[in-house]
Amino acid sequence: MTVSGLHHIAVICSDYAESKRFYSETLGLRIISEVYRAERESYKLDLEIPGGVQIELFSFPAAPTRLSYPEACGLRHLAFKVSDLDHDVADLAGKGVSVEEIRTDPLTGKRFTFFADPDGLPIELYEE
C-alpha cells in the first residue's frame, strides 16, 4: 500500500443547518457539493480545505453523542494550519466562538489553540 495523501475527514453532526453554517460561514470553508439522501434521511456536505483535503459533513437521525471530550478512542480532533493565529483567534471571537488560550508546543515551539464545533468536536489551529 502506498498512501499519497489525505483525501477527507468525515464528521457526523447533530444539527445539520447549524454545522453547515459553522463550517462554511464561521470557518469559511468552501462548499463543494451538498446532497440529501432521502433513503438515509441524511445530508452529505463536502467542504474544501485549502490544499486538497475535504471535510464530509453528515447528518444522521438519532446519531449517538460523543463519549468523552476528547479522550474517546477514535478521532481526537481536527487541526488546521494557519499563518496568523492571533488574527484567526480574533476573527473567531468576533463571530462568537469561544477559543482557548493560545499555547506553545514545547516540542516544536509553534503556537496553537483549540475551540469546538457545534457538537463539541475539538478543532485546533496550529500556526505554521
N, C-alpha and C. Protein backbone atom coordinates (compact mmCIF):
# COMPACT_ATOMS: atom_id res chain seq x y z
N MET A 1 0.85 -1.19 0.00
CA MET A 1 0.00 0.00 0.00
C MET A 1 0.89 1.24 0.00
N THR A 2 0.51 2.22 -0.80
CA THR A 2 1.23 3.49 -0.84
C THR A 2 0.23 4.62 -0.66
N VAL A 3 0.24 5.24 0.51
CA VAL A 3 -0.65 6.38 0.78
C VAL A 3 -0.01 7.62 0.18
N SER A 4 -0.79 8.35 -0.61
CA SER A 4 -0.23 9.53 -1.26
C SER A 4 -0.72 10.84 -0.65
N GLY A 5 -1.61 10.76 0.33
CA GLY A 5 -2.10 11.98 0.97
C GLY A 5 -3.41 11.71 1.69
N LEU A 6 -3.94 12.73 2.30
CA LEU A 6 -5.22 12.65 3.00
C LEU A 6 -6.29 13.21 2.07
N HIS A 7 -7.37 12.46 1.85
CA HIS A 7 -8.44 12.91 0.97
C HIS A 7 -9.54 13.66 1.72
N HIS A 8 -10.08 13.04 2.78
CA HIS A 8 -11.15 13.71 3.53
C HIS A 8 -11.21 13.23 4.97
N ILE A 9 -11.95 14.01 5.74
CA ILE A 9 -12.27 13.70 7.13
C ILE A 9 -13.79 13.74 7.22
N ALA A 10 -14.39 12.71 7.78
CA ALA A 10 -15.85 12.64 7.91
C ALA A 10 -16.27 13.05 9.32
N VAL A 11 -17.25 13.93 9.39
CA VAL A 11 -17.78 14.41 10.67
C VAL A 11 -19.30 14.23 10.65
N ILE A 12 -19.84 13.61 11.69
CA ILE A 12 -21.29 13.46 11.82
C ILE A 12 -21.77 14.52 12.80
N CYS A 13 -22.80 15.26 12.41
CA CYS A 13 -23.29 16.35 13.24
C CYS A 13 -24.71 16.06 13.72
N SER A 14 -25.12 16.76 14.77
CA SER A 14 -26.47 16.57 15.31
C SER A 14 -27.47 17.56 14.73
N ASP A 15 -27.01 18.76 14.37
CA ASP A 15 -27.87 19.79 13.80
C ASP A 15 -27.23 20.22 12.49
N TYR A 16 -27.74 19.69 11.39
CA TYR A 16 -27.11 19.91 10.09
C TYR A 16 -27.02 21.39 9.72
N ALA A 17 -28.10 22.12 9.87
CA ALA A 17 -28.09 23.54 9.49
C ALA A 17 -27.06 24.33 10.30
N GLU A 18 -27.00 24.07 11.60
CA GLU A 18 -26.05 24.77 12.46
C GLU A 18 -24.61 24.42 12.08
N SER A 19 -24.34 23.14 11.85
CA SER A 19 -22.98 22.73 11.50
C SER A 19 -22.59 23.20 10.10
N LYS A 20 -23.52 23.19 9.17
CA LYS A 20 -23.25 23.71 7.82
C LYS A 20 -22.84 25.18 7.92
N ARG A 21 -23.61 25.96 8.69
CA ARG A 21 -23.29 27.37 8.86
C ARG A 21 -21.92 27.55 9.52
N PHE A 22 -21.64 26.77 10.56
CA PHE A 22 -20.38 26.88 11.28
C PHE A 22 -19.19 26.61 10.37
N TYR A 23 -19.22 25.48 9.66
CA TYR A 23 -18.07 25.12 8.82
C TYR A 23 -17.94 26.01 7.58
N SER A 24 -19.07 26.41 6.98
CA SER A 24 -18.98 27.21 5.75
C SER A 24 -18.87 28.70 6.03
N GLU A 25 -19.61 29.22 6.98
CA GLU A 25 -19.59 30.67 7.24
C GLU A 25 -18.57 31.05 8.32
N THR A 26 -18.63 30.41 9.47
CA THR A 26 -17.73 30.77 10.56
C THR A 26 -16.28 30.43 10.21
N LEU A 27 -16.05 29.19 9.72
CA LEU A 27 -14.69 28.79 9.37
C LEU A 27 -14.31 29.17 7.94
N GLY A 28 -15.29 29.49 7.11
CA GLY A 28 -15.01 29.94 5.75
C GLY A 28 -14.62 28.85 4.77
N LEU A 29 -15.00 27.59 5.04
CA LEU A 29 -14.69 26.52 4.11
C LEU A 29 -15.68 26.56 2.94
N ARG A 30 -15.17 26.36 1.73
CA ARG A 30 -15.99 26.42 0.52
C ARG A 30 -16.79 25.13 0.36
N ILE A 31 -18.09 25.29 0.06
CA ILE A 31 -18.95 24.14 -0.19
C ILE A 31 -18.67 23.63 -1.60
N ILE A 32 -18.32 22.34 -1.69
CA ILE A 32 -18.08 21.70 -2.98
C ILE A 32 -19.38 21.10 -3.51
N SER A 33 -20.08 20.36 -2.66
CA SER A 33 -21.36 19.77 -3.06
C SER A 33 -22.20 19.49 -1.82
N GLU A 34 -23.50 19.41 -2.05
CA GLU A 34 -24.45 19.11 -0.98
C GLU A 34 -25.52 18.18 -1.54
N VAL A 35 -25.75 17.07 -0.86
CA VAL A 35 -26.71 16.07 -1.32
C VAL A 35 -27.58 15.66 -0.15
N TYR A 36 -28.89 15.56 -0.41
CA TYR A 36 -29.79 14.96 0.58
C TYR A 36 -30.11 13.55 0.12
N ARG A 37 -29.87 12.58 0.98
CA ARG A 37 -30.11 11.18 0.66
C ARG A 37 -31.37 10.74 1.42
N ALA A 38 -32.51 10.79 0.73
CA ALA A 38 -33.81 10.54 1.36
C ALA A 38 -33.88 9.15 1.99
N GLU A 39 -33.29 8.16 1.34
CA GLU A 39 -33.37 6.80 1.87
C GLU A 39 -32.65 6.66 3.21
N ARG A 40 -31.72 7.56 3.50
CA ARG A 40 -30.99 7.53 4.77
C ARG A 40 -31.39 8.68 5.70
N GLU A 41 -32.30 9.54 5.22
CA GLU A 41 -32.69 10.75 5.95
C GLU A 41 -31.43 11.52 6.36
N SER A 42 -30.52 11.68 5.41
CA SER A 42 -29.19 12.19 5.73
C SER A 42 -28.71 13.17 4.68
N TYR A 43 -28.08 14.24 5.16
CA TYR A 43 -27.36 15.15 4.27
C TYR A 43 -25.89 14.75 4.23
N LYS A 44 -25.25 15.04 3.10
CA LYS A 44 -23.80 14.91 2.96
C LYS A 44 -23.33 16.20 2.31
N LEU A 45 -22.48 16.91 3.03
CA LEU A 45 -21.95 18.19 2.57
C LEU A 45 -20.44 18.05 2.45
N ASP A 46 -19.90 18.30 1.25
CA ASP A 46 -18.46 18.28 1.04
C ASP A 46 -17.92 19.69 1.10
N LEU A 47 -16.92 19.90 1.96
CA LEU A 47 -16.31 21.21 2.17
C LEU A 47 -14.82 21.13 1.83
N GLU A 48 -14.32 22.17 1.19
CA GLU A 48 -12.92 22.19 0.77
C GLU A 48 -12.03 22.86 1.82
N ILE A 49 -10.96 22.15 2.15
CA ILE A 49 -9.90 22.73 2.96
C ILE A 49 -8.77 23.05 1.98
N PRO A 50 -8.25 24.27 1.97
CA PRO A 50 -7.16 24.57 1.04
C PRO A 50 -6.05 23.53 1.14
N GLY A 51 -5.55 23.12 -0.01
CA GLY A 51 -4.51 22.10 -0.05
C GLY A 51 -5.02 20.75 -0.52
N GLY A 52 -6.32 20.65 -0.80
CA GLY A 52 -6.85 19.45 -1.41
C GLY A 52 -7.57 18.49 -0.50
N VAL A 53 -7.63 18.72 0.79
CA VAL A 53 -8.35 17.83 1.71
C VAL A 53 -9.78 18.35 1.86
N GLN A 54 -10.70 17.44 2.11
CA GLN A 54 -12.10 17.80 2.27
C GLN A 54 -12.61 17.36 3.64
N ILE A 55 -13.66 18.04 4.10
CA ILE A 55 -14.45 17.57 5.23
C ILE A 55 -15.78 17.12 4.65
N GLU A 56 -16.18 15.89 4.98
CA GLU A 56 -17.50 15.40 4.64
C GLU A 56 -18.35 15.55 5.89
N LEU A 57 -19.36 16.40 5.82
CA LEU A 57 -20.25 16.65 6.95
C LEU A 57 -21.53 15.85 6.73
N PHE A 58 -21.84 14.96 7.66
CA PHE A 58 -23.02 14.11 7.55
C PHE A 58 -24.00 14.43 8.66
N SER A 59 -25.29 14.23 8.35
CA SER A 59 -26.33 14.25 9.38
C SER A 59 -27.02 12.90 9.33
N PHE A 60 -27.24 12.29 10.47
CA PHE A 60 -27.98 11.03 10.56
C PHE A 60 -28.99 11.17 11.69
N PRO A 61 -30.21 10.66 11.51
CA PRO A 61 -31.18 10.75 12.59
C PRO A 61 -30.71 9.95 13.82
N ALA A 62 -30.80 10.54 14.97
CA ALA A 62 -30.50 9.89 16.25
C ALA A 62 -29.08 9.34 16.34
N ALA A 63 -28.11 10.05 15.80
CA ALA A 63 -26.71 9.62 15.94
C ALA A 63 -26.31 9.73 17.42
N PRO A 64 -25.56 8.76 17.94
CA PRO A 64 -25.16 8.84 19.36
C PRO A 64 -24.19 10.00 19.58
N THR A 65 -24.17 10.53 20.78
CA THR A 65 -23.28 11.64 21.11
C THR A 65 -21.87 11.13 21.36
N ARG A 66 -20.92 12.04 21.34
CA ARG A 66 -19.52 11.74 21.59
C ARG A 66 -19.38 11.24 23.04
N LEU A 67 -18.56 10.21 23.24
CA LEU A 67 -18.44 9.60 24.57
C LEU A 67 -17.73 10.47 25.58
N SER A 68 -16.64 11.11 25.17
CA SER A 68 -15.91 11.97 26.09
C SER A 68 -15.22 13.07 25.30
N TYR A 69 -14.68 14.02 25.98
CA TYR A 69 -14.06 15.17 25.32
C TYR A 69 -12.66 15.34 25.84
N PRO A 70 -11.63 15.12 25.10
CA PRO A 70 -11.54 14.48 23.78
C PRO A 70 -10.87 13.12 23.84
N GLU A 71 -10.91 12.42 24.95
CA GLU A 71 -10.09 11.22 25.10
C GLU A 71 -10.76 9.92 24.67
N ALA A 72 -11.90 9.96 23.98
CA ALA A 72 -12.50 8.73 23.47
C ALA A 72 -11.63 8.14 22.38
N CYS A 73 -11.68 6.82 22.21
CA CYS A 73 -10.95 6.21 21.10
C CYS A 73 -11.50 6.75 19.79
N GLY A 74 -10.65 6.89 18.81
CA GLY A 74 -11.07 7.40 17.52
C GLY A 74 -10.49 8.78 17.28
N LEU A 75 -11.12 9.52 16.41
CA LEU A 75 -10.64 10.86 16.06
C LEU A 75 -10.60 11.74 17.31
N ARG A 76 -9.45 12.29 17.60
CA ARG A 76 -9.31 13.15 18.79
C ARG A 76 -9.69 14.59 18.47
N HIS A 77 -9.17 15.13 17.38
CA HIS A 77 -9.51 16.49 16.98
C HIS A 77 -9.09 16.73 15.54
N LEU A 78 -9.61 17.80 14.95
CA LEU A 78 -9.17 18.29 13.65
C LEU A 78 -8.15 19.38 13.91
N ALA A 79 -7.15 19.49 13.08
CA ALA A 79 -6.15 20.55 13.23
C ALA A 79 -5.98 21.25 11.89
N PHE A 80 -6.15 22.56 11.89
CA PHE A 80 -5.97 23.37 10.69
C PHE A 80 -4.70 24.19 10.81
N LYS A 81 -3.91 24.22 9.73
CA LYS A 81 -2.74 25.10 9.68
C LYS A 81 -3.22 26.52 9.42
N VAL A 82 -2.64 27.47 10.15
CA VAL A 82 -2.92 28.89 9.92
C VAL A 82 -1.61 29.66 9.92
N SER A 83 -1.62 30.81 9.27
CA SER A 83 -0.39 31.60 9.22
C SER A 83 -0.37 32.72 10.25
N ASP A 84 -1.55 33.16 10.71
CA ASP A 84 -1.63 34.25 11.68
C ASP A 84 -2.63 33.88 12.76
N LEU A 85 -2.15 33.19 13.78
CA LEU A 85 -3.02 32.67 14.83
C LEU A 85 -3.78 33.78 15.54
N ASP A 86 -3.10 34.88 15.86
CA ASP A 86 -3.77 35.98 16.56
C ASP A 86 -4.95 36.53 15.75
N HIS A 87 -4.76 36.70 14.46
CA HIS A 87 -5.83 37.19 13.58
C HIS A 87 -7.01 36.23 13.57
N ASP A 88 -6.71 34.93 13.42
CA ASP A 88 -7.78 33.95 13.33
C ASP A 88 -8.53 33.78 14.65
N VAL A 89 -7.83 33.85 15.76
CA VAL A 89 -8.49 33.79 17.07
C VAL A 89 -9.41 35.00 17.24
N ALA A 90 -8.94 36.18 16.87
CA ALA A 90 -9.77 37.38 16.95
C ALA A 90 -10.99 37.28 16.04
N ASP A 91 -10.80 36.72 14.84
CA ASP A 91 -11.90 36.55 13.90
C ASP A 91 -12.95 35.61 14.49
N LEU A 92 -12.53 34.47 15.04
CA LEU A 92 -13.48 33.54 15.65
C LEU A 92 -14.20 34.18 16.85
N ALA A 93 -13.46 34.87 17.69
CA ALA A 93 -14.07 35.54 18.85
C ALA A 93 -15.12 36.55 18.39
N GLY A 94 -14.81 37.26 17.31
CA GLY A 94 -15.75 38.22 16.76
C GLY A 94 -17.02 37.57 16.23
N LYS A 95 -16.96 36.29 15.93
CA LYS A 95 -18.12 35.53 15.46
C LYS A 95 -18.78 34.76 16.60
N GLY A 96 -18.35 35.02 17.83
CA GLY A 96 -18.98 34.40 18.98
C GLY A 96 -18.46 33.02 19.34
N VAL A 97 -17.33 32.62 18.78
CA VAL A 97 -16.75 31.31 19.08
C VAL A 97 -15.80 31.45 20.26
N SER A 98 -15.97 30.60 21.26
CA SER A 98 -15.10 30.60 22.43
C SER A 98 -13.83 29.83 22.08
N VAL A 99 -12.68 30.50 22.23
CA VAL A 99 -11.39 29.91 21.88
C VAL A 99 -10.53 29.85 23.15
N GLU A 100 -9.84 28.71 23.31
CA GLU A 100 -8.96 28.56 24.47
C GLU A 100 -7.77 29.51 24.36
N GLU A 101 -7.06 29.68 25.46
CA GLU A 101 -5.85 30.49 25.49
C GLU A 101 -4.81 29.89 24.53
N ILE A 102 -4.07 30.75 23.85
CA ILE A 102 -3.01 30.31 22.94
C ILE A 102 -1.88 29.72 23.76
N ARG A 103 -1.42 28.55 23.32
CA ARG A 103 -0.31 27.86 23.99
C ARG A 103 0.84 27.67 22.99
N THR A 104 2.00 27.28 23.50
CA THR A 104 3.15 26.97 22.66
C THR A 104 3.51 25.51 22.83
N ASP A 105 3.64 24.81 21.70
CA ASP A 105 4.03 23.40 21.70
C ASP A 105 5.49 23.31 22.16
N PRO A 106 5.76 22.64 23.28
CA PRO A 106 7.13 22.59 23.79
C PRO A 106 8.09 21.81 22.89
N LEU A 107 7.57 20.95 22.04
CA LEU A 107 8.43 20.18 21.15
C LEU A 107 8.83 20.94 19.89
N THR A 108 7.90 21.75 19.37
CA THR A 108 8.15 22.43 18.10
C THR A 108 8.36 23.94 18.25
N GLY A 109 7.91 24.49 19.38
CA GLY A 109 7.96 25.93 19.56
C GLY A 109 6.86 26.67 18.82
N LYS A 110 5.95 25.94 18.19
CA LYS A 110 4.83 26.55 17.44
C LYS A 110 3.66 26.84 18.37
N ARG A 111 2.90 27.89 18.02
CA ARG A 111 1.74 28.27 18.82
C ARG A 111 0.48 27.57 18.30
N PHE A 112 -0.45 27.28 19.22
CA PHE A 112 -1.70 26.62 18.85
C PHE A 112 -2.78 26.95 19.86
N THR A 113 -4.01 26.65 19.48
CA THR A 113 -5.15 26.80 20.38
C THR A 113 -6.26 25.87 19.92
N PHE A 114 -7.29 25.75 20.75
CA PHE A 114 -8.43 24.89 20.45
C PHE A 114 -9.73 25.66 20.60
N PHE A 115 -10.73 25.22 19.85
CA PHE A 115 -12.13 25.62 20.02
C PHE A 115 -12.96 24.42 19.61
N ALA A 116 -14.27 24.52 19.67
CA ALA A 116 -15.11 23.35 19.38
C ALA A 116 -16.14 23.68 18.31
N ASP A 117 -16.52 22.65 17.55
CA ASP A 117 -17.61 22.82 16.60
C ASP A 117 -18.93 22.73 17.36
N PRO A 118 -20.09 22.89 16.70
CA PRO A 118 -21.36 22.89 17.43
C PRO A 118 -21.65 21.62 18.22
N ASP A 119 -21.02 20.49 17.85
CA ASP A 119 -21.23 19.25 18.60
C ASP A 119 -20.13 18.96 19.59
N GLY A 120 -19.22 19.90 19.80
CA GLY A 120 -18.16 19.72 20.77
C GLY A 120 -16.91 19.05 20.23
N LEU A 121 -16.84 18.81 18.90
CA LEU A 121 -15.64 18.22 18.32
C LEU A 121 -14.51 19.23 18.45
N PRO A 122 -13.40 18.86 19.08
CA PRO A 122 -12.30 19.81 19.24
C PRO A 122 -11.64 20.12 17.89
N ILE A 123 -11.38 21.40 17.66
CA ILE A 123 -10.69 21.86 16.46
C ILE A 123 -9.48 22.67 16.91
N GLU A 124 -8.34 22.33 16.37
CA GLU A 124 -7.10 23.02 16.72
C GLU A 124 -6.69 23.94 15.58
N LEU A 125 -6.18 25.10 15.93
CA LEU A 125 -5.50 25.98 14.97
C LEU A 125 -4.04 25.92 15.32
N TYR A 126 -3.20 25.57 14.34
CA TYR A 126 -1.77 25.37 14.55
C TYR A 126 -1.01 26.32 13.62
N GLU A 127 -0.28 27.24 14.22
CA GLU A 127 0.39 28.28 13.44
C GLU A 127 1.66 27.74 12.78
N GLU A 128 1.73 27.91 11.47
CA GLU A 128 2.91 27.46 10.71
C GLU A 128 3.79 28.64 10.38
